[in-house]
Amino acid sequence: MGRRTISSKKLIGVAFYQLLHRYDFDKITIKQICDKAGVSRMSFYRYYTSKEDVFLVFSDEKFENFFQLASESNIDNPYDLFLLVFKQIKKQEKSIKLLERTGKFNLLFSSFEQYASYLSARFKGKGLVYYKGNKFAVPFLAGGIYSIVYRWCHRDFIDTPEEVTKS
């Protein structure tokens, strides 16, 4: 990707999150995002298909950060890996609260499926939910993470990642 491409994508993402601080998700238009980012609608659709897609790309980037940290670590037990997951989620507290406030918390589920898939594969056979050939194991784990983060968000993220992991 060229410098202009990365810059346009980043500008769109930043513009979207700035607008999300001021308006409900459903009230934000693609035109507003483009105007705020200083890009054309054609540029927007070159990289994204919808507002939801902007969030999902942002979320994927955060998962890549988590994956990099987890891959570089010597974590050998589920507790420490879940702690890393919740520390990464805590860093996104502001974005998560915005999604919850605007009724789009459900967009997080696909991100949590990525975390759950990674966790399940990394610790299969080590006490974490994993059943060979069970197509419901990852969604089950993702649903658990989703439920925990939903409750954590409604508690205004007052618990530390350590407290969330222990409970």
Foldseek 3Di string as FASTA:
>chain_A
DDPVLVLLLVLLLVLLVVVLVPDAPVVDDLVSSCVSSVHDSVSVVVQADDSLRSVVVVLVVLVVVLVVVVVPDPDDALLVNLLSVLVSVLVCLVVCLSCVVNVNNVSCLVSLLSSLVVSCVSQPPPPQQDDVPDPCSSSVRSVVVSVLVVVCVVVVVPDHSNVSSVD
